[in-house]
């Protein structure tokens, strides 16, 4: 059968075109040191992508409408979006299209209890269903297993929501040690009830990620920031064997990949027929508590 054609996809990493990309990503470039990242790039990882959709969409009159139209074209029923953007796009999107978007909070462990209190407010006010964290992008950097992260993990368990955490070598030219996949093992040991979803590939430690997913029931893997033709073969093999319930679709629009490219290449990914609906939809709904 291959990839289903009837839509209903849940995208666990979706965004909106931003009017000022350099301002949006200043939280990354403030700690990079190479001149290309700091001066030339609008998108800190554009050296990794042939085309950056957001660059062509900057200045659009209705960024939320742009994303919704792309969702309609490519069969995306709902998208997980951040609501912490200073532009207010996430909150506005939830007001305009509450049936199309799932709100997520963004956490920074350097904020301490102020950040935890903000998370609780966003949970109570906007009904956030997940928390995102980018360890390499924190400033100063905070490792996945650093005890500064623990209040965030504890609050996620208390609220019954998952954390989506970048793991593996970061795309921006930042130090990588804080995102070593090995660090997840300690977190899952200390928080066995936590639902932890990795973002951005876990490379070059995907074999280790598979081992840890076998070990820890709450650990999952999402495909964010990867074009489907570059999905790691061992992740596909794992999904087709023992990991059908652990691998979750995530895109990267408009940051680095178009939905057209993702969905066109997706048709050639070698998932077994019974894996597709779990990968594209039901795993995300379960993890987000939306079954």
Foldseek 3Di string as FASTA:
>chain_A
DFFDDQAPFEAAAEDWQDQQLQVVCVLQLVPDDDCCQNPPDSFLQCVVFPDQQSVVCHPPPDRLVVRVVLCVVLRHQAYEYEQPPPVRPQVVSCVVCVRHYAYEYEAALVVPVVRVVVRVVCCVPVVHLEYEYEQQSHVVGAAPQHVSCVVVQVVCLVVVHAYEYEAAADSGPTDHPSRQPVSVLVVCVVPLSHQYEYPDQNPPCVVVLLVVCVVHVRYAYEDEPDQLVPRDPVVLVCCQPVCLLGYAYHYYPNGRDRSVRNSVSSSPRDHDPVSNCNHRHDSVCVNSVND
